[in-house]
Amino acid sequence: MSKKVTAIPPDYIEWLSDIKSRVTAARQRTVLAANAELIQLYWQIGRDILQRQQSANWGDKVLDRLASDLRAAFPEMKGFSSRNLKYMRYFAEHCPRQAFGQQPAAQLPWFHVVTLLTKLADTGAREWYAQRAIAEGWSRTSLELSIRNRLHERQGQAVTNFGVRLPAPHSELAHEALKDPYLFDFLGLGDKAHEREIENALVRHITQFLLELGNGFAFVGRQFRLEVSDKEFFIDLLFYHTRLKCYVVVELKATEFKPEHAGQLNFYLTAVDRQVKAPDDNPTIGLLLCKTQDRLVAEYALHGIDKPIGVAEYELVRALPERLVTSLPTVEELENELLIAQETKT
């Protein structure tokens, strides 16, 4: 007599999904806890080194000996090179509270911590980037790119009328989503490029363009067609912002900002709101990207505009300087050193 096959209960899939979510959450907590322990250990070692060098006048030769002895005692661990010990000392010296402002360093991977310490001298900037890295889950590459592009100096700097055209707190979130200036040096175009050339290049490099726009932007289309009273109109670039829950119309101008640009964009926003926006979407936002702008002229122009619009400049050739704030080795050099040590052991 054959066994009866038991049917899968109707709530099995939901139960399985719940278990998988709990397993994933537990694994994440385990990784975070292990990382917090490592960051705590590195800070303590760095503090001890700092105290002994200050009180007993130890030199770096002692660090070389310490690195050798620690590697011999813990051959399975990769973090005990002389160079990494110097980073630990630097960490303890510049983060005595084990935090970047209000952001605990233990929430960040070690190489994120090193990047913040070696790429930034200003404590306020370190806290800003630490907070963003934690909140948005930046990789180290994203963190380095944001620092190199001076994101903290550009974020939320566009001229907007969001404060009077959008309800709080949506207006603040929308304002922070825009920058000024936007950096399009990755396009490889000169300052004399025309609007269509810039538009074509941005679409060809859409991945880098989305990175520059920031988290939440999803590309919908270029030369997006609208029809109003049997006449065709075409939006340069249309995006949807997943966090703001709204469409974003981007218009490119290869000239300085002119008040009439805002009127044209206001018309496009009205059309998108009436023809494209879903009932549960927030009001469509406009972004005018101009070669140059007079901020006072832009503020006057937006004052009488009904729709939420931001105005910002773009740079086809990088004008923001890159700064080196320490003489410590780069993170890449440290990673390569640890990788070589690991390969030698295997």
Protein backbone atom coordinates (compact mmCIF):
# COMPACT_ATOMS: atom_id res chain seq x y z
CA MET A 1 0.00 0.00 0.00
CA SER A 2 1.55 3.28 -1.10
CA LYS A 3 1.89 6.23 1.22
CA LYS A 4 -0.44 9.09 0.67
CA VAL A 5 1.35 12.21 -0.60
CA THR A 6 0.59 15.08 1.73
CA ALA A 7 -0.39 18.23 -0.12
CA ILE A 8 1.59 21.37 0.54
CA PRO A 9 -0.39 23.55 2.97
CA PRO A 10 -1.80 26.71 1.38
CA ASP A 11 0.19 28.95 3.73
CA TYR A 12 3.50 27.13 3.12
CA ILE A 13 4.92 29.67 0.64
CA GLU A 14 4.20 32.56 2.99
CA TRP A 15 5.77 30.63 5.88
CA LEU A 16 8.86 29.80 3.81
CA SER A 17 9.24 33.45 2.83
CA ASP A 18 9.05 34.46 6.50
CA ILE A 19 11.75 31.92 7.46
CA LYS A 20 14.01 33.09 4.63
CA SER A 21 13.60 36.69 5.77
CA ARG A 22 14.52 35.73 9.35
CA VAL A 23 17.57 33.75 8.19
CA THR A 24 18.73 36.68 6.05
CA ALA A 25 18.22 39.12 8.93
CA ALA A 26 20.12 36.83 11.33
CA ARG A 27 23.02 36.52 8.91
CA GLN A 28 23.15 40.30 8.51
CA ARG A 29 23.15 40.76 12.28
CA THR A 30 26.00 38.24 12.55
CA VAL A 31 28.06 40.09 9.95
CA LEU A 32 27.38 43.45 11.60
CA ALA A 33 28.28 42.09 15.03
CA ALA A 34 31.52 40.60 13.73
CA ASN A 35 32.39 43.87 12.00
CA ALA A 36 31.67 45.85 15.17
CA GLU A 37 33.99 43.56 17.13
CA LEU A 38 36.74 44.01 14.53
CA ILE A 39 36.42 47.80 14.51
CA GLN A 40 36.49 47.80 18.33
CA LEU A 41 39.62 45.61 18.32
CA TYR A 42 41.40 47.80 15.77
CA TRP A 43 40.58 50.95 17.75
CA GLN A 44 41.88 49.40 20.98
CA ILE A 45 45.13 48.30 19.32
CA GLY A 46 45.50 51.75 17.78
CA ARG A 47 44.89 53.41 21.16
CA ASP A 48 47.52 51.20 22.83
CA ILE A 49 50.07 52.00 20.11
CA LEU A 50 49.30 55.69 20.37
CA GLN A 51 49.66 55.73 24.16
CA ARG A 52 52.94 53.81 24.14
CA GLN A 53 54.47 55.92 21.41
CA GLN A 54 53.54 59.06 23.29
CA SER A 55 54.68 57.86 26.74
CA ALA A 56 57.62 55.59 25.92
CA ASN A 57 58.79 57.23 22.69
CA TRP A 58 58.36 54.05 20.66
CA GLY A 59 59.31 54.29 17.01
CA ASP A 60 57.85 52.58 13.94
CA LYS A 61 60.40 49.76 14.27
CA VAL A 62 58.37 48.55 17.25
CA LEU A 63 55.33 48.45 14.97
CA ASP A 64 57.24 46.31 12.49
CA ARG A 65 58.09 43.88 15.29
CA LEU A 66 54.51 43.93 16.58
CA ALA A 67 53.17 43.22 13.10
CA SER A 68 55.53 40.28 12.70
CA ASP A 69 54.65 38.81 16.09
CA LEU A 70 50.90 39.20 15.55
CA ARG A 71 51.06 37.57 12.12
CA ALA A 72 52.97 34.66 13.62
CA ALA A 73 50.45 34.28 16.43
CA PHE A 74 47.39 34.64 14.19
CA PRO A 75 48.40 33.44 10.70
CA GLU A 76 44.76 33.13 9.63
CA MET A 77 44.13 36.87 10.07
CA LYS A 78 45.06 39.31 7.32
CA GLY A 79 44.92 42.64 9.14
CA PHE A 80 48.19 42.74 11.06
CA SER A 81 50.58 44.37 8.60
CA SER A 82 52.71 47.31 9.71
CA ARG A 83 50.74 49.53 7.40
CA ASN A 84 47.40 48.49 8.85
CA LEU A 85 48.71 49.03 12.39
CA LYS A 86 49.49 52.61 11.39
CA TYR A 87 45.89 52.98 10.21
CA MET A 88 44.71 51.67 13.59
CA ARG A 89 46.85 54.27 15.33
CA TYR A 90 45.48 56.99 13.04
CA PHE A 91 41.94 55.75 13.75
CA ALA A 92 42.40 55.97 17.52
CA GLU A 93 44.02 59.40 17.24
CA HIS A 94 41.35 60.97 15.04
CA CYS A 95 38.30 59.11 16.40
CA PRO A 96 38.78 59.10 20.19
CA ARG A 97 35.07 58.36 20.67
CA GLN A 98 35.06 55.62 18.01
CA ALA A 99 32.55 57.66 16.04
CA PHE A 100 32.30 60.16 13.22
CA GLY A 101 30.20 62.74 14.99
CA GLN A 102 26.96 60.93 15.84
CA GLN A 103 27.71 58.00 13.50
CA PRO A 104 29.40 55.02 15.22
CA ALA A 105 32.41 53.85 13.24
CA ALA A 106 31.46 50.24 14.05
CA GLN A 107 28.56 50.51 11.59
CA LEU A 108 31.05 50.83 8.75
CA PRO A 109 33.48 48.28 7.27
CA TRP A 110 37.15 48.88 8.09
CA PHE A 111 38.14 50.16 4.67
CA HIS A 112 35.25 52.66 4.76
CA VAL A 113 36.69 53.92 8.07
CA VAL A 114 40.15 54.20 6.55
CA THR A 115 38.76 56.04 3.52
CA LEU A 116 36.96 58.59 5.70
CA LEU A 117 40.08 59.17 7.78
CA THR A 118 42.56 59.50 4.93
CA LYS A 119 40.46 61.31 2.33
CA LEU A 120 38.86 63.93 4.58
CA ALA A 121 40.37 66.35 7.06
CA ASP A 122 37.18 68.10 8.16
CA THR A 123 35.32 66.32 10.96
CA GLY A 124 31.96 67.65 9.80
CA ALA A 125 32.51 66.26 6.31
CA ARG A 126 33.54 62.90 7.75
CA GLU A 127 30.31 62.74 9.74
CA TRP A 128 28.23 63.69 6.68
CA TYR A 129 29.78 61.00 4.48
CA ALA A 130 29.63 58.41 7.28
CA GLN A 131 25.92 59.09 7.76
CA ARG A 132 25.22 58.81 4.03
CA ALA A 133 27.32 55.67 3.66
CA ILE A 134 25.42 53.99 6.51
CA ALA A 135 21.98 55.16 5.41
CA GLU A 136 22.41 54.32 1.73
CA GLY A 137 24.64 51.26 2.03
CA TRP A 138 27.43 52.71 -0.10
CA SER A 139 30.22 50.46 -1.27
CA ARG A 140 33.73 51.78 -0.71
CA THR A 141 33.90 52.68 -4.41
CA SER A 142 30.71 54.74 -4.08
CA LEU A 143 32.08 56.40 -0.96
CA GLU A 144 35.36 57.31 -2.65
CA LEU A 145 33.54 58.60 -5.74
CA SER A 146 31.26 60.77 -3.61
CA ILE A 147 34.24 62.22 -1.72
CA ARG A 148 36.21 62.83 -4.90
CA ASN A 149 33.23 64.60 -6.44
CA ARG A 150 32.71 66.73 -3.30
CA LEU A 151 29.12 65.57 -2.94
CA HIS A 152 28.63 67.24 0.45
CA GLU A 153 29.33 70.63 -1.12
CA ARG A 154 26.82 70.10 -3.94
CA GLN A 155 23.95 68.15 -2.40
CA GLY A 156 20.82 70.24 -1.83
CA GLN A 157 22.40 73.35 -3.40
CA ALA A 158 20.10 73.78 -6.42
CA VAL A 159 17.84 76.83 -6.55
CA THR A 160 14.28 75.55 -6.03
CA ASN A 161 10.78 76.67 -5.14
CA PHE A 162 10.04 73.39 -3.38
CA GLY A 163 9.49 75.09 -0.03
CA VAL A 164 6.31 76.81 -1.30
CA ARG A 165 5.23 74.32 -3.96
CA LEU A 166 5.56 71.01 -2.07
CA PRO A 167 4.29 70.01 1.36
CA ALA A 168 6.74 69.27 4.18
CA PRO A 169 8.58 66.96 4.65
CA HIS A 170 8.36 66.06 0.95
CA SER A 171 9.78 69.48 0.03
CA GLU A 172 12.92 68.92 2.14
CA LEU A 173 13.47 65.44 0.70
CA ALA A 174 13.04 66.73 -2.84
CA HIS A 175 15.41 69.65 -2.24
CA GLU A 176 18.09 67.28 -0.90
CA ALA A 177 17.69 65.06 -3.98
CA LEU A 178 19.07 67.80 -6.24
CA LYS A 179 22.64 69.08 -6.54
CA ASP A 180 24.48 72.07 -7.92
CA PRO A 181 26.56 71.74 -9.95
CA TYR A 182 26.16 68.37 -11.65
CA LEU A 183 29.41 66.84 -12.92
CA PHE A 184 29.25 65.42 -16.45
CA ASP A 185 32.99 65.20 -17.08
CA PHE A 186 32.57 61.46 -17.71
CA LEU A 187 30.93 62.31 -21.06
CA GLY A 188 34.23 63.39 -22.61
CA LEU A 189 32.67 66.51 -24.14
CA GLY A 190 34.10 70.00 -24.34
CA ASP A 191 32.48 73.15 -22.98
CA LYS A 192 31.09 74.04 -26.42
CA ALA A 193 28.90 70.93 -26.73
CA HIS A 194 25.30 71.46 -27.88
CA GLU A 195 22.20 70.32 -26.00
CA ARG A 196 21.50 67.33 -28.25
CA GLU A 197 25.14 66.19 -28.01
CA ILE A 198 24.94 66.30 -24.22
CA GLU A 199 21.59 64.50 -24.20
CA ASN A 200 22.88 61.75 -26.51
CA ALA A 201 26.02 61.31 -24.41
CA LEU A 202 24.04 61.15 -21.16
CA VAL A 203 21.85 58.37 -22.55
CA ARG A 204 24.93 56.48 -23.80
CA HIS A 205 26.42 56.76 -20.32
CA ILE A 206 23.14 56.27 -18.49
CA THR A 207 24.68 54.23 -15.67
CA GLN A 208 27.14 56.98 -14.76
CA PHE A 209 24.44 59.59 -15.27
CA LEU A 210 22.18 57.81 -12.77
CA LEU A 211 25.06 57.60 -10.30
CA GLU A 212 25.57 61.35 -10.59
CA LEU A 213 21.85 62.04 -10.20
CA GLY A 214 21.86 59.97 -7.00
CA ASN A 215 19.88 57.17 -5.37
CA GLY A 216 16.26 56.76 -6.36
CA PHE A 217 16.35 57.96 -9.97
CA ALA A 218 15.01 55.50 -12.56
CA PHE A 219 15.30 56.30 -16.27
CA VAL A 220 11.99 56.39 -18.16
CA GLY A 221 12.94 57.79 -21.56
CA ARG A 222 14.42 60.52 -23.70
CA GLN A 223 12.52 62.86 -26.05
CA PHE A 224 9.40 61.69 -24.23
CA ARG A 225 6.42 62.59 -26.38
CA LEU A 226 3.48 64.61 -25.09
CA GLU A 227 0.45 65.68 -27.08
CA VAL A 228 -1.50 68.77 -26.13
CA SER A 229 -4.28 70.12 -28.33
CA ASP A 230 -3.09 68.03 -31.33
CA LYS A 231 0.43 69.44 -30.99
CA GLU A 232 3.52 67.39 -30.15
CA PHE A 233 5.99 68.31 -27.46
CA PHE A 234 9.10 66.36 -26.42
CA ILE A 235 10.70 66.23 -22.98
CA ASP A 236 14.49 65.94 -23.05
CA LEU A 237 14.72 63.31 -20.30
CA LEU A 238 12.09 61.76 -18.06
CA PHE A 239 12.85 59.93 -14.80
CA TYR A 240 10.87 58.46 -11.94
CA HIS A 241 12.16 58.91 -8.40
CA THR A 242 11.40 55.80 -6.37
CA ARG A 243 11.87 57.49 -2.99
CA LEU A 244 10.00 60.69 -3.75
CA LYS A 245 7.31 58.69 -5.61
CA CYS A 246 7.12 61.17 -8.47
CA TYR A 247 8.19 61.79 -12.04
CA VAL A 248 11.16 64.08 -12.64
CA VAL A 249 11.39 66.04 -15.90
CA VAL A 250 14.95 67.04 -16.81
CA GLU A 251 15.54 69.75 -19.41
CA LEU A 252 19.01 70.55 -20.73
CA LYS A 253 20.12 74.03 -21.78
CA ALA A 254 23.56 74.62 -23.28
CA THR A 255 23.27 78.30 -22.34
CA GLU A 256 22.89 80.36 -19.21
CA PHE A 257 19.56 80.16 -17.39
CA LYS A 258 16.79 82.38 -18.74
CA PRO A 259 13.42 83.00 -17.05
CA GLU A 260 11.54 81.68 -20.08
CA HIS A 261 13.14 78.27 -19.51
CA ALA A 262 11.15 77.96 -16.29
CA GLY A 263 7.91 78.75 -18.12
CA GLN A 264 8.55 76.05 -20.69
CA LEU A 265 9.33 73.48 -18.00
CA ASN A 266 6.24 74.52 -16.03
CA PHE A 267 4.16 73.63 -19.12
CA TYR A 268 5.80 70.19 -19.37
CA LEU A 269 5.15 69.47 -15.69
CA THR A 270 1.48 70.33 -16.09
CA ALA A 271 1.22 67.97 -19.06
CA VAL A 272 2.97 65.11 -17.23
CA ASP A 273 0.78 65.60 -14.16
CA ARG A 274 -2.37 65.40 -16.26
CA GLN A 275 -1.35 62.70 -18.76
CA VAL A 276 1.30 60.49 -17.14
CA LYS A 277 1.18 60.78 -13.35
CA ALA A 278 -0.81 58.12 -11.51
CA PRO A 279 -3.34 59.21 -8.86
CA ASP A 280 -1.08 57.98 -6.04
CA ASP A 281 2.07 59.65 -7.41
CA ASN A 282 3.35 62.86 -5.86
CA PRO A 283 3.47 66.05 -7.99
CA THR A 284 5.98 65.92 -10.83
CA ILE A 285 9.25 67.79 -10.26
CA GLY A 286 11.26 69.66 -12.86
CA LEU A 287 15.03 70.05 -13.06
CA LEU A 288 16.59 72.61 -15.37
CA LEU A 289 20.25 71.88 -16.09
CA CYS A 290 21.95 74.97 -17.49
CA LYS A 291 25.50 75.75 -18.44
CA THR A 292 25.49 78.72 -16.06
CA GLN A 293 22.96 80.49 -13.88
CA ASP A 294 22.55 83.65 -11.89
CA ARG A 295 21.03 82.36 -8.66
CA LEU A 296 19.10 85.58 -7.97
CA VAL A 297 17.59 85.57 -11.47
CA ALA A 298 16.64 81.92 -10.98
CA GLU A 299 15.02 82.67 -7.61
CA TYR A 300 12.98 85.51 -9.15
CA ALA A 301 11.93 83.35 -12.09
CA LEU A 302 10.75 80.47 -9.89
CA HIS A 303 8.87 82.72 -7.49
CA GLY A 304 5.83 82.99 -9.76
CA ILE A 305 5.92 79.43 -11.10
CA ASP A 306 3.12 77.09 -10.01
CA LYS A 307 5.02 73.80 -10.35
CA PRO A 308 8.01 72.56 -8.26
CA ILE A 309 11.19 73.31 -10.22
CA GLY A 310 14.90 73.23 -9.44
CA VAL A 311 17.64 75.00 -11.37
CA ALA A 312 21.26 73.84 -11.35
CA GLU A 313 24.41 74.17 -13.39
CA TYR A 314 26.34 71.31 -14.98
CA GLU A 315 30.05 71.01 -15.69
CA LEU A 316 31.35 69.15 -18.73
CA VAL A 317 34.94 69.72 -17.60
CA ARG A 318 35.72 69.18 -13.94
CA ALA A 319 36.28 72.40 -12.04
CA LEU A 320 36.16 71.04 -8.49
CA PRO A 321 39.70 70.38 -7.19
CA GLU A 322 40.69 67.07 -5.66
CA ARG A 323 42.41 67.24 -2.27
CA LEU A 324 44.80 64.88 -0.57
CA VAL A 325 44.65 65.34 3.18
CA THR A 326 47.14 62.78 4.48
CA SER A 327 50.43 61.18 3.48
CA LEU A 328 49.28 57.71 4.52
CA PRO A 329 49.27 54.95 1.90
CA THR A 330 46.12 54.54 -0.14
CA VAL A 331 43.45 52.01 0.71
CA GLU A 332 44.24 50.22 -2.55
CA GLU A 333 47.87 49.77 -1.50
CA LEU A 334 46.77 48.33 1.82
CA GLU A 335 44.30 45.96 0.16
CA ASN A 336 46.96 44.76 -2.29
CA GLU A 337 49.38 44.17 0.56
CA LEU A 338 46.85 42.08 2.47
CA LEU A 339 45.92 40.15 -0.68
CA ILE A 340 49.56 39.33 -1.43
CA ALA A 341 50.05 38.16 2.15
CA GLN A 342 47.02 35.90 1.87
CA GLU A 343 48.21 34.43 -1.45
CA THR A 344 51.66 33.79 -0.02
CA LYS A 345 50.16 31.75 2.84
CA THR A 346 48.04 29.68 0.47
